[in-house]
Amino acid sequence: MMKFSKIKDYAMVGGIGVAVAFAMYGCEDSNTKDSSILQNAQKNGAFVIIEEQQDGSYKILEEYPSDTTRVLLKTLDGQERMLSDEEISQLIAQEERKIDAGTSELTNPNSGGLGLGGAILASAAGAILGSYIGNKLFNNPNFQANAQRNYKSPQAYERSKNSFSNKSTSSSGLKSTSGRSGFFGNNSSSSGRAGGSSVMGG
């Protein structure tokens, strides 16, 4: 198991800006019990650790609120590496095509396990980087029903929910004063901090 200090070191690495996807897709109200993960990841960013499984599928090992969004992959041979912006963009695009074709494990009630792109979209990082997919995924009943099994363990799922819920509570006083709720209240200024990233282009 990774030491927490090592995780924090990874989380501090610069990465994809939070503003990348939000010019394309707004936050929607959600009554699901996982809405805090999606909404707060969208606003704050997320550091996600995805682990390869013995059967070749991928599960979310841990995820935490972060100033930037990064995805760390742990493979079966014990290697750990940060996925590049280009890799993440390609994986999400591939998974989107599967969603459109009805072949994605994310929306299949009898899924045998997620591919890497599916695991990214199932994570808090997917709430940011895949938010432009919108109703294709996040409002799909099978995706909602399968949410917990996309994590390595029920405990990892609960830790994720709690960490993003706590982030929401602690940052409640930092909302925009423009009178507009959510990310778009600061969109014009935040977009400049995204560093011109084209991860979600096209």
N, C-alpha and C. Protein backbone atom coordinates (compact mmCIF):
# COMPACT_ATOMS: atom_id res chain seq x y z
N MET A 1 0.84 -1.19 0.00
CA MET A 1 0.00 0.00 0.00
C MET A 1 0.88 1.24 0.00
N MET A 2 0.48 2.26 -0.77
CA MET A 2 1.27 3.46 -0.85
C MET A 2 1.23 4.22 0.46
N LYS A 3 2.35 4.79 0.84
CA LYS A 3 2.37 5.63 2.01
C LYS A 3 1.68 6.95 1.69
N PHE A 4 1.02 7.53 2.71
CA PHE A 4 0.25 8.74 2.48
C PHE A 4 1.15 9.88 2.01
N SER A 5 2.38 9.93 2.55
CA SER A 5 3.29 11.01 2.16
C SER A 5 3.61 10.94 0.68
N LYS A 6 3.72 9.72 0.16
CA LYS A 6 4.00 9.55 -1.26
C LYS A 6 2.82 10.02 -2.09
N ILE A 7 1.62 9.69 -1.64
CA ILE A 7 0.42 10.13 -2.33
C ILE A 7 0.37 11.65 -2.38
N LYS A 8 0.70 12.30 -1.26
CA LYS A 8 0.67 13.75 -1.22
C LYS A 8 1.69 14.35 -2.18
N ASP A 9 2.85 13.68 -2.32
CA ASP A 9 3.85 14.16 -3.27
C ASP A 9 3.30 14.14 -4.68
N TYR A 10 2.62 13.05 -5.04
CA TYR A 10 2.02 12.97 -6.37
C TYR A 10 0.97 14.05 -6.55
N ALA A 11 0.15 14.25 -5.52
CA ALA A 11 -0.96 15.19 -5.63
C ALA A 11 -0.48 16.61 -5.85
N MET A 12 0.76 16.91 -5.45
CA MET A 12 1.28 18.26 -5.59
C MET A 12 1.84 18.52 -6.98
N VAL A 13 1.97 17.47 -7.80
CA VAL A 13 2.52 17.64 -9.14
C VAL A 13 1.54 18.45 -9.99
N GLY A 14 2.04 19.38 -10.77
CA GLY A 14 1.17 20.19 -11.62
C GLY A 14 0.44 19.33 -12.62
N GLY A 15 -0.76 19.75 -13.03
CA GLY A 15 -1.50 18.92 -13.97
C GLY A 15 -2.59 19.68 -14.67
N ILE A 16 -3.65 18.95 -14.97
CA ILE A 16 -4.73 19.46 -15.78
C ILE A 16 -5.53 20.46 -14.97
N GLY A 17 -5.80 21.62 -15.50
CA GLY A 17 -6.56 22.65 -14.79
C GLY A 17 -8.00 22.25 -14.62
N VAL A 18 -8.62 22.75 -13.56
CA VAL A 18 -10.01 22.41 -13.26
C VAL A 18 -10.95 22.97 -14.31
N ALA A 19 -10.54 24.03 -15.02
CA ALA A 19 -11.45 24.69 -15.94
C ALA A 19 -11.59 24.00 -17.28
N VAL A 20 -10.85 22.92 -17.52
CA VAL A 20 -10.76 22.32 -18.85
C VAL A 20 -12.12 22.00 -19.44
N ALA A 21 -12.96 21.29 -18.69
CA ALA A 21 -14.19 20.77 -19.27
C ALA A 21 -15.37 21.69 -19.11
N PHE A 22 -15.32 22.66 -18.24
CA PHE A 22 -16.54 23.36 -17.86
C PHE A 22 -17.01 24.40 -18.85
N ALA A 23 -16.21 24.75 -19.83
CA ALA A 23 -16.70 25.63 -20.87
C ALA A 23 -17.70 24.90 -21.76
N MET A 24 -17.71 23.56 -21.65
CA MET A 24 -18.56 22.74 -22.51
C MET A 24 -19.81 22.23 -21.81
N TYR A 25 -19.73 22.08 -20.50
CA TYR A 25 -20.83 21.38 -19.83
C TYR A 25 -21.01 21.92 -18.43
N GLY A 26 -22.24 22.31 -18.07
CA GLY A 26 -22.51 22.86 -16.75
C GLY A 26 -22.89 21.79 -15.75
N CYS A 27 -22.77 22.15 -14.48
CA CYS A 27 -23.17 21.23 -13.41
C CYS A 27 -24.69 21.11 -13.40
N GLU A 28 -25.19 19.90 -13.20
CA GLU A 28 -26.61 19.68 -13.07
C GLU A 28 -26.92 19.27 -11.65
N ASP A 29 -28.12 19.65 -11.19
CA ASP A 29 -28.54 19.21 -9.87
C ASP A 29 -28.70 17.71 -9.87
N SER A 30 -28.33 17.06 -8.79
CA SER A 30 -28.43 15.61 -8.69
C SER A 30 -28.94 15.23 -7.33
N ASN A 31 -29.86 14.29 -7.29
CA ASN A 31 -30.38 13.80 -6.02
C ASN A 31 -29.78 12.48 -5.63
N THR A 32 -28.79 12.02 -6.39
CA THR A 32 -28.17 10.74 -6.06
C THR A 32 -27.24 10.90 -4.89
N LYS A 33 -26.95 9.79 -4.23
CA LYS A 33 -26.11 9.84 -3.04
C LYS A 33 -24.65 10.08 -3.38
N ASP A 34 -24.30 10.00 -4.67
CA ASP A 34 -22.92 10.24 -5.09
C ASP A 34 -22.71 11.65 -5.62
N SER A 35 -23.72 12.52 -5.53
CA SER A 35 -23.62 13.84 -6.14
C SER A 35 -22.50 14.66 -5.54
N SER A 36 -22.18 14.46 -4.27
CA SER A 36 -21.11 15.26 -3.66
C SER A 36 -19.78 14.97 -4.32
N ILE A 37 -19.53 13.72 -4.70
CA ILE A 37 -18.28 13.38 -5.38
C ILE A 37 -18.20 14.11 -6.72
N LEU A 38 -19.26 14.02 -7.52
CA LEU A 38 -19.24 14.62 -8.83
C LEU A 38 -19.15 16.13 -8.76
N GLN A 39 -20.02 16.75 -7.97
CA GLN A 39 -20.09 18.20 -7.94
C GLN A 39 -18.83 18.82 -7.36
N ASN A 40 -18.31 18.25 -6.30
CA ASN A 40 -17.14 18.85 -5.66
C ASN A 40 -15.86 18.54 -6.41
N ALA A 41 -15.79 17.39 -7.07
CA ALA A 41 -14.64 17.14 -7.93
C ALA A 41 -14.64 18.14 -9.08
N GLN A 42 -15.83 18.44 -9.62
CA GLN A 42 -15.92 19.40 -10.71
C GLN A 42 -15.39 20.76 -10.28
N LYS A 43 -15.66 21.16 -9.05
CA LYS A 43 -15.29 22.48 -8.58
C LYS A 43 -13.84 22.55 -8.11
N ASN A 44 -13.32 21.46 -7.55
CA ASN A 44 -12.05 21.53 -6.84
C ASN A 44 -10.92 20.72 -7.45
N GLY A 45 -11.21 19.78 -8.33
CA GLY A 45 -10.16 18.91 -8.84
C GLY A 45 -10.05 17.65 -8.01
N ALA A 46 -9.34 16.66 -8.54
CA ALA A 46 -9.23 15.38 -7.85
C ALA A 46 -7.92 14.69 -8.20
N PHE A 47 -7.34 14.03 -7.21
CA PHE A 47 -6.18 13.16 -7.43
C PHE A 47 -6.67 11.73 -7.28
N VAL A 48 -6.53 10.93 -8.35
CA VAL A 48 -7.12 9.60 -8.41
C VAL A 48 -6.03 8.55 -8.62
N ILE A 49 -6.13 7.45 -7.87
CA ILE A 49 -5.23 6.31 -8.04
C ILE A 49 -6.05 5.15 -8.57
N ILE A 50 -5.68 4.65 -9.73
CA ILE A 50 -6.37 3.53 -10.37
C ILE A 50 -5.43 2.33 -10.39
N GLU A 51 -5.96 1.16 -10.05
CA GLU A 51 -5.15 -0.04 -9.92
C GLU A 51 -5.59 -1.11 -10.92
N GLU A 52 -4.64 -1.69 -11.62
CA GLU A 52 -4.92 -2.81 -12.52
C GLU A 52 -5.20 -4.06 -11.70
N GLN A 53 -6.22 -4.83 -12.12
CA GLN A 53 -6.61 -6.04 -11.41
C GLN A 53 -6.08 -7.29 -12.12
N GLN A 54 -6.14 -8.42 -11.43
CA GLN A 54 -5.62 -9.67 -11.98
C GLN A 54 -6.30 -10.07 -13.28
N ASP A 55 -7.57 -9.72 -13.44
CA ASP A 55 -8.30 -10.10 -14.64
C ASP A 55 -8.12 -9.11 -15.79
N GLY A 56 -7.26 -8.11 -15.58
CA GLY A 56 -7.01 -7.12 -16.63
C GLY A 56 -7.91 -5.91 -16.58
N SER A 57 -8.87 -5.91 -15.66
CA SER A 57 -9.73 -4.74 -15.50
C SER A 57 -9.06 -3.73 -14.57
N TYR A 58 -9.73 -2.61 -14.35
CA TYR A 58 -9.18 -1.54 -13.52
C TYR A 58 -10.22 -1.08 -12.51
N LYS A 59 -9.74 -0.75 -11.31
CA LYS A 59 -10.62 -0.23 -10.26
C LYS A 59 -10.00 1.00 -9.62
N ILE A 60 -10.86 1.82 -9.04
CA ILE A 60 -10.40 3.02 -8.34
C ILE A 60 -9.91 2.60 -6.96
N LEU A 61 -8.64 2.85 -6.69
CA LEU A 61 -8.05 2.47 -5.41
C LEU A 61 -8.29 3.54 -4.35
N GLU A 62 -8.01 4.78 -4.69
CA GLU A 62 -8.22 5.91 -3.79
C GLU A 62 -8.44 7.16 -4.63
N GLU A 63 -9.09 8.16 -4.05
CA GLU A 63 -9.19 9.47 -4.69
C GLU A 63 -9.40 10.54 -3.63
N TYR A 64 -8.82 11.71 -3.89
CA TYR A 64 -8.83 12.80 -2.92
C TYR A 64 -9.09 14.12 -3.63
N PRO A 65 -9.68 15.09 -2.94
CA PRO A 65 -9.76 16.44 -3.51
C PRO A 65 -8.35 16.99 -3.73
N SER A 66 -8.18 17.77 -4.78
CA SER A 66 -6.87 18.32 -5.11
C SER A 66 -7.06 19.61 -5.90
N ASP A 67 -6.04 20.46 -5.90
CA ASP A 67 -6.12 21.69 -6.67
C ASP A 67 -6.07 21.43 -8.16
N THR A 68 -5.43 20.35 -8.56
CA THR A 68 -5.37 19.97 -9.96
C THR A 68 -5.83 18.52 -10.09
N THR A 69 -6.19 18.14 -11.31
CA THR A 69 -6.69 16.78 -11.54
C THR A 69 -5.59 15.93 -12.17
N ARG A 70 -5.25 14.85 -11.47
CA ARG A 70 -4.21 13.93 -11.93
C ARG A 70 -4.67 12.50 -11.72
N VAL A 71 -4.19 11.59 -12.57
CA VAL A 71 -4.53 10.18 -12.47
C VAL A 71 -3.24 9.37 -12.40
N LEU A 72 -3.09 8.62 -11.31
CA LEU A 72 -1.93 7.74 -11.11
C LEU A 72 -2.35 6.30 -11.36
N LEU A 73 -1.60 5.59 -12.20
CA LEU A 73 -1.91 4.20 -12.53
C LEU A 73 -0.92 3.27 -11.83
N LYS A 74 -1.47 2.27 -11.12
CA LYS A 74 -0.66 1.21 -10.51
C LYS A 74 -0.91 -0.07 -11.30
N THR A 75 0.14 -0.63 -11.89
CA THR A 75 -0.01 -1.83 -12.71
C THR A 75 0.29 -3.09 -11.90
N LEU A 76 -0.01 -4.24 -12.49
CA LEU A 76 0.16 -5.51 -11.78
C LEU A 76 1.60 -5.79 -11.38
N ASP A 77 2.54 -5.27 -12.14
CA ASP A 77 3.95 -5.52 -11.84
C ASP A 77 4.50 -4.57 -10.77
N GLY A 78 3.61 -3.79 -10.17
CA GLY A 78 4.02 -2.91 -9.08
C GLY A 78 4.49 -1.54 -9.52
N GLN A 79 4.47 -1.27 -10.81
CA GLN A 79 4.90 0.04 -11.30
C GLN A 79 3.82 1.09 -11.07
N GLU A 80 4.25 2.31 -10.87
CA GLU A 80 3.33 3.43 -10.69
C GLU A 80 3.76 4.56 -11.62
N ARG A 81 2.80 5.12 -12.33
CA ARG A 81 3.14 6.25 -13.19
C ARG A 81 1.94 7.16 -13.35
N MET A 82 2.22 8.45 -13.53
CA MET A 82 1.18 9.42 -13.75
C MET A 82 0.80 9.41 -15.23
N LEU A 83 -0.48 9.30 -15.52
CA LEU A 83 -0.93 9.34 -16.91
C LEU A 83 -0.78 10.75 -17.45
N SER A 84 -0.38 10.86 -18.70
CA SER A 84 -0.22 12.17 -19.33
C SER A 84 -1.58 12.70 -19.76
N ASP A 85 -1.63 14.02 -20.01
CA ASP A 85 -2.86 14.63 -20.49
C ASP A 85 -3.32 13.98 -21.79
N GLU A 86 -2.36 13.69 -22.68
CA GLU A 86 -2.70 13.09 -23.97
C GLU A 86 -3.29 11.69 -23.78
N GLU A 87 -2.71 10.89 -22.91
CA GLU A 87 -3.23 9.55 -22.66
C GLU A 87 -4.66 9.61 -22.13
N ILE A 88 -4.88 10.49 -21.17
CA ILE A 88 -6.20 10.61 -20.57
C ILE A 88 -7.22 11.04 -21.61
N SER A 89 -6.86 12.01 -22.44
CA SER A 89 -7.76 12.49 -23.49
C SER A 89 -8.14 11.36 -24.44
N GLN A 90 -7.15 10.57 -24.85
CA GLN A 90 -7.42 9.47 -25.78
C GLN A 90 -8.30 8.39 -25.15
N LEU A 91 -8.02 8.06 -23.89
CA LEU A 91 -8.80 7.04 -23.20
C LEU A 91 -10.25 7.46 -23.02
N ILE A 92 -10.47 8.72 -22.68
CA ILE A 92 -11.83 9.22 -22.52
C ILE A 92 -12.56 9.23 -23.86
N ALA A 93 -11.88 9.63 -24.92
CA ALA A 93 -12.50 9.64 -26.25
C ALA A 93 -12.89 8.23 -26.68
N GLN A 94 -12.02 7.26 -26.41
CA GLN A 94 -12.34 5.87 -26.74
C GLN A 94 -13.55 5.38 -25.96
N GLU A 95 -13.60 5.73 -24.68
CA GLU A 95 -14.73 5.28 -23.85
C GLU A 95 -16.02 5.96 -24.28
N GLU A 96 -15.94 7.22 -24.71
CA GLU A 96 -17.13 7.91 -25.18
C GLU A 96 -17.72 7.21 -26.39
N ARG A 97 -16.85 6.76 -27.30
CA ARG A 97 -17.34 6.03 -28.48
C ARG A 97 -18.05 4.74 -28.06
N LYS A 98 -17.52 4.08 -27.03
CA LYS A 98 -18.17 2.86 -26.54
C LYS A 98 -19.52 3.18 -25.90
N ILE A 99 -19.60 4.30 -25.19
CA ILE A 99 -20.87 4.71 -24.60
C ILE A 99 -21.90 4.96 -25.69
N ASP A 100 -21.49 5.68 -26.75
CA ASP A 100 -22.39 5.96 -27.87
C ASP A 100 -22.85 4.68 -28.55
N ALA A 101 -21.97 3.68 -28.61
CA ALA A 101 -22.30 2.42 -29.28
C ALA A 101 -23.04 1.45 -28.37
N GLY A 102 -23.18 1.81 -27.09
CA GLY A 102 -23.86 0.93 -26.14
C GLY A 102 -23.03 -0.24 -25.68
N THR A 103 -21.71 -0.16 -25.83
CA THR A 103 -20.84 -1.28 -25.46
C THR A 103 -19.95 -0.97 -24.25
N SER A 104 -20.13 0.17 -23.64
CA SER A 104 -19.29 0.53 -22.49
C SER A 104 -19.69 -0.25 -21.25
N GLU A 105 -18.69 -0.73 -20.52
CA GLU A 105 -18.95 -1.42 -19.26
C GLU A 105 -19.59 -0.49 -18.23
N LEU A 106 -19.39 0.82 -18.41
CA LEU A 106 -19.95 1.79 -17.46
C LEU A 106 -21.47 1.80 -17.46
N THR A 107 -22.07 1.54 -18.61
CA THR A 107 -23.53 1.58 -18.72
C THR A 107 -24.15 0.21 -18.92
N ASN A 108 -23.35 -0.83 -18.74
CA ASN A 108 -23.82 -2.21 -18.89
C ASN A 108 -24.14 -2.78 -17.51
N PRO A 109 -25.38 -3.19 -17.27
CA PRO A 109 -25.73 -3.70 -15.93
C PRO A 109 -25.02 -4.99 -15.58
N ASN A 110 -24.49 -5.71 -16.59
CA ASN A 110 -23.80 -6.98 -16.34
C ASN A 110 -22.31 -6.86 -16.66
N SER A 111 -21.74 -5.70 -16.39
CA SER A 111 -20.35 -5.45 -16.71
C SER A 111 -19.42 -6.43 -16.02
N GLY A 112 -18.42 -6.90 -16.76
CA GLY A 112 -17.43 -7.80 -16.18
C GLY A 112 -16.22 -7.09 -15.62
N GLY A 113 -16.17 -5.78 -15.74
CA GLY A 113 -15.03 -5.02 -15.25
C GLY A 113 -14.70 -3.88 -16.20
N LEU A 114 -14.11 -2.83 -15.66
CA LEU A 114 -13.84 -1.63 -16.44
C LEU A 114 -12.48 -1.67 -17.12
N GLY A 115 -12.43 -1.09 -18.32
CA GLY A 115 -11.16 -0.78 -18.93
C GLY A 115 -10.59 0.47 -18.27
N LEU A 116 -9.41 0.89 -18.70
CA LEU A 116 -8.77 2.04 -18.06
C LEU A 116 -9.56 3.32 -18.30
N GLY A 117 -10.05 3.52 -19.51
CA GLY A 117 -10.85 4.70 -19.79
C GLY A 117 -12.12 4.73 -18.97
N GLY A 118 -12.75 3.57 -18.81
CA GLY A 118 -13.96 3.50 -18.00
C GLY A 118 -13.69 3.82 -16.55
N ALA A 119 -12.57 3.33 -16.03
CA ALA A 119 -12.22 3.60 -14.63
C ALA A 119 -11.97 5.09 -14.41
N ILE A 120 -11.34 5.74 -15.38
CA ILE A 120 -11.12 7.19 -15.26
C ILE A 120 -12.45 7.92 -15.21
N LEU A 121 -13.36 7.56 -16.11
CA LEU A 121 -14.66 8.24 -16.14
C LEU A 121 -15.49 7.93 -14.91
N ALA A 122 -15.31 6.75 -14.32
CA ALA A 122 -16.06 6.38 -13.12
C ALA A 122 -15.55 7.11 -11.88
N SER A 123 -14.34 7.64 -11.95
CA SER A 123 -13.72 8.29 -10.80
C SER A 123 -14.13 9.74 -10.70
N ALA A 124 -13.68 10.38 -9.62
CA ALA A 124 -13.94 11.81 -9.46
C ALA A 124 -13.28 12.61 -10.58
N ALA A 125 -12.17 12.11 -11.12
CA ALA A 125 -11.52 12.79 -12.24
C ALA A 125 -12.45 12.82 -13.45
N GLY A 126 -13.26 11.78 -13.60
CA GLY A 126 -14.19 11.75 -14.72
C GLY A 126 -15.25 12.82 -14.63
N ALA A 127 -15.56 13.27 -13.41
CA ALA A 127 -16.53 14.35 -13.24
C ALA A 127 -16.01 15.64 -13.85
N ILE A 128 -14.70 15.77 -13.94
CA ILE A 128 -14.09 16.95 -14.56
C ILE A 128 -13.79 16.67 -16.02
N LEU A 129 -12.95 15.67 -16.26
CA LEU A 129 -12.41 15.45 -17.59
C LEU A 129 -13.44 14.89 -18.55
N GLY A 130 -14.46 14.21 -18.02
CA GLY A 130 -15.49 13.66 -18.88
C GLY A 130 -16.83 14.35 -18.73
N SER A 131 -16.84 15.51 -18.09
CA SER A 131 -18.12 16.16 -17.81
C SER A 131 -18.83 16.59 -19.09
N TYR A 132 -18.08 16.80 -20.17
CA TYR A 132 -18.72 17.19 -21.42
C TYR A 132 -19.57 16.07 -22.00
N ILE A 133 -19.36 14.84 -21.54
CA ILE A 133 -20.18 13.71 -22.01
C ILE A 133 -21.60 13.84 -21.46
N GLY A 134 -21.70 14.44 -20.29
CA GLY A 134 -23.00 14.80 -19.74
C GLY A 134 -23.95 13.65 -19.54
N ASN A 135 -25.15 13.80 -20.09
CA ASN A 135 -26.21 12.82 -19.84
C ASN A 135 -25.92 11.45 -20.42
N LYS A 136 -24.94 11.36 -21.30
CA LYS A 136 -24.58 10.04 -21.83
C LYS A 136 -24.15 9.11 -20.71
N LEU A 137 -23.65 9.68 -19.62
CA LEU A 137 -23.07 8.85 -18.57
C LEU A 137 -23.63 9.15 -17.19
N PHE A 138 -23.48 10.38 -16.72
CA PHE A 138 -23.72 10.67 -15.31
C PHE A 138 -25.17 10.49 -14.88
N ASN A 139 -26.12 10.58 -15.81
CA ASN A 139 -27.53 10.36 -15.46
C ASN A 139 -28.02 8.98 -15.89
N ASN A 140 -27.10 8.13 -16.33
CA ASN A 140 -27.48 6.78 -16.74
C ASN A 140 -27.74 5.92 -15.50
N PRO A 141 -28.91 5.27 -15.40
CA PRO A 141 -29.23 4.50 -14.19
C PRO A 141 -28.27 3.35 -13.93
N ASN A 142 -27.77 2.71 -14.98
CA ASN A 142 -26.81 1.62 -14.77
C ASN A 142 -25.50 2.14 -14.22
N PHE A 143 -25.06 3.29 -14.71
CA PHE A 143 -23.84 3.90 -14.19
C PHE A 143 -23.99 4.22 -12.70
N GLN A 144 -25.14 4.77 -12.33
CA GLN A 144 -25.37 5.10 -10.92
C GLN A 144 -25.42 3.84 -10.07
N ALA A 145 -26.09 2.80 -10.58
CA ALA A 145 -26.22 1.56 -9.81
C ALA A 145 -24.89 0.84 -9.64
N ASN A 146 -23.99 1.02 -10.60
CA ASN A 146 -22.70 0.32 -10.57
C ASN A 146 -21.60 1.11 -9.86
N ALA A 147 -21.93 2.28 -9.33
CA ALA A 147 -20.89 3.19 -8.83
C ALA A 147 -19.96 2.54 -7.82
N GLN A 148 -20.50 1.82 -6.85
CA GLN A 148 -19.66 1.29 -5.78
C GLN A 148 -18.72 0.20 -6.27
N ARG A 149 -19.16 -0.62 -7.20
CA ARG A 149 -18.32 -1.73 -7.63
C ARG A 149 -17.15 -1.28 -8.51
N ASN A 150 -17.14 -0.02 -8.90
CA ASN A 150 -16.02 0.51 -9.67
C ASN A 150 -14.81 0.82 -8.80
N TYR A 151 -15.00 0.74 -7.48
CA TYR A 151 -13.91 0.99 -6.52
C TYR A 151 -13.32 -0.33 -6.05
N LYS A 152 -12.07 -0.27 -5.57
CA LYS A 152 -11.37 -1.48 -5.13
C LYS A 152 -12.11 -2.15 -3.97
N SER A 153 -12.73 -1.34 -3.12
CA SER A 153 -13.43 -1.89 -1.96
C SER A 153 -14.54 -0.94 -1.55
N PRO A 154 -15.54 -1.43 -0.80
CA PRO A 154 -16.57 -0.53 -0.27
C PRO A 154 -15.97 0.58 0.60
N GLN A 155 -14.87 0.25 1.29
CA GLN A 155 -14.23 1.25 2.14
C GLN A 155 -13.65 2.39 1.30
N ALA A 156 -13.06 2.05 0.16
CA ALA A 156 -12.50 3.08 -0.73
C ALA A 156 -13.61 3.98 -1.25
N TYR A 157 -14.74 3.38 -1.55
CA TYR A 157 -15.90 4.13 -2.03
C TYR A 157 -16.38 5.12 -0.97
N GLU A 158 -16.49 4.65 0.26
CA GLU A 158 -16.95 5.51 1.35
C GLU A 158 -15.94 6.61 1.66
N ARG A 159 -14.65 6.27 1.62
CA ARG A 159 -13.62 7.30 1.86
C ARG A 159 -13.71 8.40 0.82
N SER A 160 -13.95 8.01 -0.42
CA SER A 160 -14.07 9.00 -1.48
C SER A 160 -15.24 9.93 -1.22
N LYS A 161 -16.40 9.36 -0.93
CA LYS A 161 -17.58 10.19 -0.66
C LYS A 161 -17.33 11.14 0.50
N ASN A 162 -16.73 10.61 1.56
CA ASN A 162 -16.51 11.43 2.75
C ASN A 162 -15.50 12.54 2.49
N SER A 163 -14.44 12.24 1.75
CA SER A 163 -13.41 13.25 1.53
C SER A 163 -13.93 14.41 0.70
N PHE A 164 -14.76 14.11 -0.31
CA PHE A 164 -15.30 15.19 -1.12
C PHE A 164 -16.42 15.93 -0.41
N SER A 165 -17.16 15.23 0.44
CA SER A 165 -18.18 15.90 1.24
C SER A 165 -17.53 16.86 2.22
N ASN A 166 -16.42 16.43 2.84
CA ASN A 166 -15.71 17.29 3.78
C ASN A 166 -15.11 18.49 3.07
N LYS A 167 -14.64 18.29 1.86
CA LYS A 167 -14.09 19.40 1.08
C LYS A 167 -15.17 20.42 0.79
N SER A 168 -16.38 19.94 0.49
CA SER A 168 -17.49 20.84 0.21
C SER A 168 -17.81 21.68 1.43
N THR A 169 -17.83 21.04 2.61
CA THR A 169 -18.17 21.76 3.84
C THR A 169 -17.12 22.81 4.17
N SER A 170 -15.85 22.46 4.04
CA SER A 170 -14.78 23.37 4.42
C SER A 170 -14.64 24.53 3.46
N SER A 171 -15.10 24.36 2.21
CA SER A 171 -14.93 25.42 1.23
C SER A 171 -16.23 26.16 0.95
N SER A 172 -17.26 25.93 1.78
CA SER A 172 -18.56 26.52 1.51
C SER A 172 -18.53 28.04 1.55
N GLY A 173 -17.57 28.60 2.27
CA GLY A 173 -17.48 30.05 2.35
C GLY A 173 -16.69 30.67 1.23
N LEU A 174 -16.24 29.85 0.26
CA LEU A 174 -15.39 30.35 -0.81
C LEU A 174 -16.13 30.46 -2.13
N LYS A 175 -17.46 30.45 -2.10
CA LYS A 175 -18.23 30.52 -3.33
C LYS A 175 -18.09 31.89 -3.98
N SER A 176 -18.36 31.94 -5.25
CA SER A 176 -18.26 33.19 -5.98
C SER A 176 -19.20 34.24 -5.41
N THR A 177 -18.75 35.49 -5.42
CA THR A 177 -19.60 36.58 -4.94
C THR A 177 -20.34 37.23 -6.09
N SER A 178 -20.28 36.64 -7.25
CA SER A 178 -20.93 37.23 -8.41
C SER A 178 -22.42 36.95 -8.44
N GLY A 179 -22.90 36.11 -7.53
CA GLY A 179 -24.31 35.78 -7.51
C GLY A 179 -24.64 34.56 -8.33
N ARG A 180 -23.62 33.95 -8.94
CA ARG A 180 -23.84 32.74 -9.73
C ARG A 180 -23.20 31.59 -9.01
N SER A 181 -23.95 30.51 -8.87
CA SER A 181 -23.44 29.37 -8.11
C SER A 181 -22.58 28.48 -8.97
N GLY A 182 -21.76 27.65 -8.29
CA GLY A 182 -20.97 26.65 -8.99
C GLY A 182 -19.79 27.25 -9.73
N PHE A 183 -19.25 26.44 -10.63
CA PHE A 183 -18.01 26.80 -11.31
C PHE A 183 -18.15 28.03 -12.17
N PHE A 184 -19.29 28.19 -12.86
CA PHE A 184 -19.41 29.24 -13.83
C PHE A 184 -19.42 30.63 -13.22
N GLY A 185 -19.56 30.72 -11.90
CA GLY A 185 -19.46 32.02 -11.25
C GLY A 185 -18.09 32.63 -11.43
N ASN A 186 -17.06 31.81 -11.62
CA ASN A 186 -15.70 32.31 -11.79
C ASN A 186 -15.08 31.84 -13.09
N ASN A 187 -15.90 31.48 -14.05
CA ASN A 187 -15.38 30.84 -15.25
C ASN A 187 -14.40 31.71 -16.01
N SER A 188 -14.68 33.01 -16.12
CA SER A 188 -13.84 33.85 -16.94
C SER A 188 -12.43 33.96 -16.38
N SER A 189 -12.31 34.03 -15.06
CA SER A 189 -10.98 34.13 -14.48
C SER A 189 -10.31 32.78 -14.37
N SER A 190 -11.09 31.72 -14.16
CA SER A 190 -10.50 30.39 -14.00
C SER A 190 -9.93 29.87 -15.30
N SER A 191 -10.56 30.25 -16.42
CA SER A 191 -10.12 29.70 -17.70
C SER A 191 -8.69 30.09 -18.00
N GLY A 192 -8.27 31.22 -17.53
CA GLY A 192 -6.90 31.64 -17.77
C GLY A 192 -5.91 30.82 -16.99
N ARG A 193 -6.35 30.24 -15.86
CA ARG A 193 -5.45 29.45 -15.04
C ARG A 193 -5.32 28.03 -15.54
N ALA A 194 -6.11 27.66 -16.55
CA ALA A 194 -6.05 26.29 -17.06
C ALA A 194 -4.81 26.06 -17.90
N GLY A 195 -4.07 27.11 -18.15
CA GLY A 195 -2.80 26.96 -18.86
C GLY A 195 -2.96 26.65 -20.33
N GLY A 196 -4.16 26.95 -20.88
CA GLY A 196 -4.36 26.73 -22.30
C GLY A 196 -4.43 25.28 -22.66
N SER A 197 -4.71 24.40 -21.72
CA SER A 197 -4.75 22.97 -21.98
C SER A 197 -5.81 22.66 -23.01
N SER A 198 -5.51 21.75 -23.93
CA SER A 198 -6.46 21.36 -24.96
C SER A 198 -6.87 19.92 -24.78
N VAL A 199 -6.84 19.43 -23.55
CA VAL A 199 -7.12 18.02 -23.29
C VAL A 199 -8.49 17.63 -23.81
N MET A 200 -9.48 18.51 -23.62
CA MET A 200 -10.83 18.15 -24.01
C MET A 200 -11.21 18.72 -25.36
N GLY A 201 -10.25 19.18 -26.11
CA GLY A 201 -10.58 19.74 -27.40
C GLY A 201 -11.23 18.71 -28.30
N GLY A 202 -12.29 19.13 -29.03
CA GLY A 202 -12.96 18.22 -29.97
C GLY A 202 -13.90 17.35 -29.22
